[in-house]
Amino acid sequence: MNIKHIISLFTFLLLIFSCSEKDNCNDLLFIVKQFGCEYTKYSTFLYIDLRNDYTIIRSQESFDSLVSGKCHPEINFSQYDLVIGRQSSPNLNYTIEYDLRRVCPDNKLTLTINIIQSDATQPDNVTYHALIPKLGDGETLYVRINTNW
């Protein structure tokens, strides 16, 4: 083996061992569904007794016992889990956006909730909710709330 072959082999091995799965990692985006209730950001339409917190509801029975208000839909809990919570804010709510993805490099399932406030300076309690694909037994969901106040 001459010196060119040794250098080529060494370079090849260095490249193989310096790469990792983290280098090839891409976030995996999921579709978040909202159920058919309008104006659920207002507590009279959908209410849960939480403040600046959330819960994951995995059955219709839990939903019926924890959630009240004018909007009370049937949810297919064999396919979805419901992430629902409330967040207080200094302004009225304008809209809510949801982003669910498996985040690299740790493969964490993360739901980001963007609460976009209006310019009206009136304190508000926002109820947010997202139907996400059914979580596996023992699977952890990380929830991050972003606000613009």
C-alpha atoms as a PDB file:
ATOM      1  CA  MET A   1       0.000   0.000   0.000  1.00  0.00           C
ATOM      2  CA  ASN A   2       1.466   3.321  -1.003  1.00  0.00           C
ATOM      3  CA  ILE A   3       1.115   6.617   0.837  1.00  0.00           C
ATOM      4  CA  LYS A   4      -1.767   7.831  -1.417  1.00  0.00           C
ATOM      5  CA  HIS A   5      -3.842   4.772  -0.524  1.00  0.00           C
ATOM      6  CA  ILE A   6      -3.125   5.187   3.177  1.00  0.00           C
ATOM      7  CA  ILE A   7      -4.112   8.885   3.104  1.00  0.00           C
ATOM      8  CA  SER A   8      -7.265   8.103   1.100  1.00  0.00           C
ATOM      9  CA  LEU A   9      -8.242   5.324   3.502  1.00  0.00           C
ATOM     10  CA  PHE A  10      -7.553   7.536   6.529  1.00  0.00           C
ATOM     11  CA  THR A  11      -9.625  10.395   5.017  1.00  0.00           C
ATOM     12  CA  PHE A  12     -12.488   8.024   4.194  1.00  0.00           C
ATOM     13  CA  LEU A  13     -12.543   6.601   7.728  1.00  0.00           C
ATOM     14  CA  LEU A  14     -12.385  10.086   9.223  1.00  0.00           C
ATOM     15  CA  LEU A  15     -15.398  11.191   7.190  1.00  0.00           C
ATOM     16  CA  ILE A  16     -17.428   8.122   8.132  1.00  0.00           C
ATOM     17  CA  PHE A  17     -16.755   8.408  11.853  1.00  0.00           C
ATOM     18  CA  SER A  18     -17.191  12.196  12.005  1.00  0.00           C
ATOM     19  CA  CYS A  19     -20.761  12.026  10.657  1.00  0.00           C
ATOM     20  CA  SER A  20     -23.617  11.222  12.966  1.00  0.00           C
ATOM     21  CA  GLU A  21     -27.359  10.849  12.777  1.00  0.00           C
ATOM     22  CA  LYS A  22     -27.667  14.339  14.260  1.00  0.00           C
ATOM     23  CA  ASP A  23     -26.071  15.726  11.096  1.00  0.00           C
ATOM     24  CA  ASN A  24     -28.877  14.211   9.020  1.00  0.00           C
ATOM     25  CA  CYS A  25     -31.664  15.161  11.417  1.00  0.00           C
ATOM     26  CA  ASN A  26     -34.655  17.132  10.146  1.00  0.00           C
ATOM     27  CA  ASP A  27     -37.589  18.266  12.266  1.00  0.00           C
ATOM     28  CA  LEU A  28     -40.754  16.302  11.443  1.00  0.00           C
ATOM     29  CA  LEU A  29     -43.852  18.520  11.195  1.00  0.00           C
ATOM     30  CA  PHE A  30     -47.299  17.159  12.148  1.00  0.00           C
ATOM     31  CA  ILE A  31     -50.742  18.495  11.322  1.00  0.00           C
ATOM     32  CA  VAL A  32     -52.608  19.964  14.285  1.00  0.00           C
ATOM     33  CA  LYS A  33     -56.389  19.880  14.066  1.00  0.00           C
ATOM     34  CA  GLN A  34     -58.881  22.149  15.756  1.00  0.00           C
ATOM     35  CA  PHE A  35     -62.355  20.903  16.426  1.00  0.00           C
ATOM     36  CA  GLY A  36     -65.364  22.635  14.892  1.00  0.00           C
ATOM     37  CA  CYS A  37     -66.064  25.229  17.571  1.00  0.00           C
ATOM     38  CA  GLU A  38     -65.878  28.892  16.724  1.00  0.00           C
ATOM     39  CA  TYR A  39     -64.561  31.504  19.151  1.00  0.00           C
ATOM     40  CA  THR A  40     -63.043  28.951  21.531  1.00  0.00           C
ATOM     41  CA  LYS A  41     -60.473  31.524  22.586  1.00  0.00           C
ATOM     42  CA  TYR A  42     -63.287  33.058  24.649  1.00  0.00           C
ATOM     43  CA  SER A  43     -63.982  31.211  27.879  1.00  0.00           C
ATOM     44  CA  THR A  44     -67.795  31.206  27.470  1.00  0.00           C
ATOM     45  CA  PHE A  45     -67.463  28.860  24.495  1.00  0.00           C
ATOM     46  CA  LEU A  46     -64.898  26.488  25.967  1.00  0.00           C
ATOM     47  CA  TYR A  47     -63.711  26.544  29.567  1.00  0.00           C
ATOM     48  CA  ILE A  48     -61.309  24.461  31.618  1.00  0.00           C
ATOM     49  CA  ASP A  49     -60.364  25.238  35.196  1.00  0.00           C
ATOM     50  CA  LEU A  50     -56.666  25.929  34.619  1.00  0.00           C
ATOM     51  CA  ARG A  51     -54.603  29.095  34.835  1.00  0.00           C
ATOM     52  CA  ASN A  52     -51.337  29.451  32.908  1.00  0.00           C
ATOM     53  CA  ASP A  53     -51.172  25.696  32.520  1.00  0.00           C
ATOM     54  CA  TYR A  54     -52.355  22.923  30.222  1.00  0.00           C
ATOM     55  CA  THR A  55     -53.454  19.317  30.329  1.00  0.00           C
ATOM     56  CA  ILE A  56     -53.637  16.466  27.845  1.00  0.00           C
ATOM     57  CA  ILE A  57     -57.062  14.853  27.590  1.00  0.00           C
ATOM     58  CA  ARG A  58     -57.072  11.314  26.187  1.00  0.00           C
ATOM     59  CA  SER A  59     -60.747  10.276  26.397  1.00  0.00           C
ATOM     60  CA  GLN A  60     -64.245  11.649  25.814  1.00  0.00           C
ATOM     61  CA  GLU A  61     -65.114  10.922  29.459  1.00  0.00           C
ATOM     62  CA  SER A  62     -62.226  13.097  30.675  1.00  0.00           C
ATOM     63  CA  PHE A  63     -63.202  15.828  28.226  1.00  0.00           C
ATOM     64  CA  ASP A  64     -66.822  15.764  29.413  1.00  0.00           C
ATOM     65  CA  SER A  65     -65.802  15.985  33.074  1.00  0.00           C
ATOM     66  CA  LEU A  66     -63.074  18.665  32.717  1.00  0.00           C
ATOM     67  CA  VAL A  67     -64.374  20.989  29.994  1.00  0.00           C
ATOM     68  CA  SER A  68     -67.516  23.111  30.057  1.00  0.00           C
ATOM     69  CA  GLY A  69     -69.033  25.813  27.876  1.00  0.00           C
ATOM     70  CA  LYS A  70     -71.252  26.158  24.826  1.00  0.00           C
ATOM     71  CA  CYS A  71     -68.912  24.117  22.631  1.00  0.00           C
ATOM     72  CA  HIS A  72     -68.764  20.451  23.575  1.00  0.00           C
ATOM     73  CA  PRO A  73     -67.971  18.364  20.475  1.00  0.00           C
ATOM     74  CA  GLU A  74     -67.440  14.643  20.146  1.00  0.00           C
ATOM     75  CA  ILE A  75     -63.746  13.923  19.558  1.00  0.00           C
ATOM     76  CA  ASN A  76     -62.291  10.729  18.101  1.00  0.00           C
ATOM     77  CA  PHE A  77     -59.960   9.932  20.991  1.00  0.00           C
ATOM     78  CA  SER A  78     -58.858   6.699  19.318  1.00  0.00           C
ATOM     79  CA  GLN A  79     -56.933   8.885  16.833  1.00  0.00           C
ATOM     80  CA  TYR A  80     -56.307  12.122  18.750  1.00  0.00           C
ATOM     81  CA  ASP A  81     -55.381  13.530  22.120  1.00  0.00           C
ATOM     82  CA  LEU A  82     -56.516  17.021  23.098  1.00  0.00           C
ATOM     83  CA  VAL A  83     -54.016  19.514  24.489  1.00  0.00           C
ATOM     84  CA  ILE A  84     -56.003  22.229  26.219  1.00  0.00           C
ATOM     85  CA  GLY A  85     -55.027  25.046  28.524  1.00  0.00           C
ATOM     86  CA  ARG A  86     -55.493  28.623  29.587  1.00  0.00           C
ATOM     87  CA  GLN A  87     -53.065  31.508  29.553  1.00  0.00           C
ATOM     88  CA  SER A  88     -53.619  34.943  31.066  1.00  0.00           C
ATOM     89  CA  SER A  89     -52.372  37.956  29.141  1.00  0.00           C
ATOM     90  CA  PRO A  90     -52.373  41.746  29.447  1.00  0.00           C
ATOM     91  CA  ASN A  91     -54.120  42.242  26.077  1.00  0.00           C
ATOM     92  CA  LEU A  92     -57.086  40.780  24.268  1.00  0.00           C
ATOM     93  CA  ASN A  93     -56.295  37.786  22.130  1.00  0.00           C
ATOM     94  CA  TYR A  94     -56.149  38.228  18.357  1.00  0.00           C
ATOM     95  CA  THR A  95     -55.411  34.678  17.199  1.00  0.00           C
ATOM     96  CA  ILE A  96     -53.678  31.429  18.144  1.00  0.00           C
ATOM     97  CA  GLU A  97     -51.323  29.418  15.927  1.00  0.00           C
ATOM     98  CA  TYR A  98     -50.148  25.855  16.592  1.00  0.00           C
ATOM     99  CA  ASP A  99     -47.008  24.040  15.488  1.00  0.00           C
ATOM    100  CA  LEU A 100     -46.382  20.374  16.355  1.00  0.00           C
ATOM    101  CA  ARG A 101     -43.105  18.765  15.400  1.00  0.00           C
ATOM    102  CA  ARG A 102     -40.604  16.161  16.441  1.00  0.00           C
ATOM    103  CA  VAL A 103     -37.560  18.311  17.129  1.00  0.00           C
ATOM    104  CA  CYS A 104     -33.964  17.337  16.433  1.00  0.00           C
ATOM    105  CA  PRO A 105     -31.512  16.334  17.718  1.00  0.00           C
ATOM    106  CA  ASP A 106     -33.262  14.881  20.784  1.00  0.00           C
ATOM    107  CA  ASN A 107     -36.370  13.636  18.929  1.00  0.00           C
ATOM    108  CA  LYS A 108     -38.659  15.550  21.339  1.00  0.00           C
ATOM    109  CA  LEU A 109     -42.311  15.939  20.380  1.00  0.00           C
ATOM    110  CA  THR A 110     -42.942  19.662  20.872  1.00  0.00           C
ATOM    111  CA  LEU A 111     -46.161  21.656  20.534  1.00  0.00           C
ATOM    112  CA  THR A 112     -45.558  25.372  20.141  1.00  0.00           C
ATOM    113  CA  ILE A 113     -48.542  27.619  20.807  1.00  0.00           C
ATOM    114  CA  ASN A 114     -48.230  31.159  19.479  1.00  0.00           C
ATOM    115  CA  ILE A 115     -50.713  33.470  21.184  1.00  0.00           C
ATOM    116  CA  ILE A 116     -50.934  36.662  19.160  1.00  0.00           C
ATOM    117  CA  GLN A 117     -52.364  39.582  21.085  1.00  0.00           C
ATOM    118  CA  SER A 118     -54.287  42.566  19.797  1.00  0.00           C
ATOM    119  CA  ASP A 119     -53.447  46.156  20.664  1.00  0.00           C
ATOM    120  CA  ALA A 120     -56.421  46.383  23.048  1.00  0.00           C
ATOM    121  CA  THR A 121     -54.981  46.643  26.554  1.00  0.00           C
ATOM    122  CA  GLN A 122     -57.618  44.646  28.358  1.00  0.00           C
ATOM    123  CA  PRO A 123     -56.556  41.655  30.465  1.00  0.00           C
ATOM    124  CA  ASP A 124     -57.660  38.360  28.967  1.00  0.00           C
ATOM    125  CA  ASN A 125     -57.615  34.647  29.723  1.00  0.00           C
ATOM    126  CA  VAL A 126     -57.053  32.714  26.516  1.00  0.00           C
ATOM    127  CA  THR A 127     -58.260  29.121  26.182  1.00  0.00           C
ATOM    128  CA  TYR A 128     -56.187  27.246  23.610  1.00  0.00           C
ATOM    129  CA  HIS A 129     -56.639  23.724  22.299  1.00  0.00           C
ATOM    130  CA  ALA A 130     -55.106  21.446  19.710  1.00  0.00           C
ATOM    131  CA  LEU A 131     -56.004  17.956  18.556  1.00  0.00           C
ATOM    132  CA  ILE A 132     -52.738  16.102  18.058  1.00  0.00           C
ATOM    133  CA  PRO A 133     -52.075  12.569  16.781  1.00  0.00           C
ATOM    134  CA  LYS A 134     -52.568  10.040  19.577  1.00  0.00           C
ATOM    135  CA  LEU A 135     -49.551   9.912  21.893  1.00  0.00           C
ATOM    136  CA  GLY A 136     -47.956   6.579  22.600  1.00  0.00           C
ATOM    137  CA  ASP A 137     -48.041   5.093  26.085  1.00  0.00           C
ATOM    138  CA  GLY A 138     -45.474   6.965  28.132  1.00  0.00           C
ATOM    139  CA  GLU A 139     -44.676   9.390  25.297  1.00  0.00           C
ATOM    140  CA  THR A 140     -43.854  12.890  26.525  1.00  0.00           C
ATOM    141  CA  LEU A 141     -45.160  16.044  24.891  1.00  0.00           C
ATOM    142  CA  TYR A 142     -43.296  19.296  25.458  1.00  0.00           C
ATOM    143  CA  VAL A 143     -45.462  22.424  25.255  1.00  0.00           C
ATOM    144  CA  ARG A 144     -43.975  25.856  24.595  1.00  0.00           C
ATOM    145  CA  ILE A 145     -46.126  28.990  24.670  1.00  0.00           C
ATOM    146  CA  ASN A 146     -44.964  32.054  22.764  1.00  0.00           C
ATOM    147  CA  THR A 147     -46.643  35.394  23.287  1.00  0.00           C
ATOM    148  CA  ASN A 148     -46.074  38.805  21.788  1.00  0.00           C
ATOM    149  CA  TRP A 149     -46.454  40.845  24.963  1.00  0.00           C
END
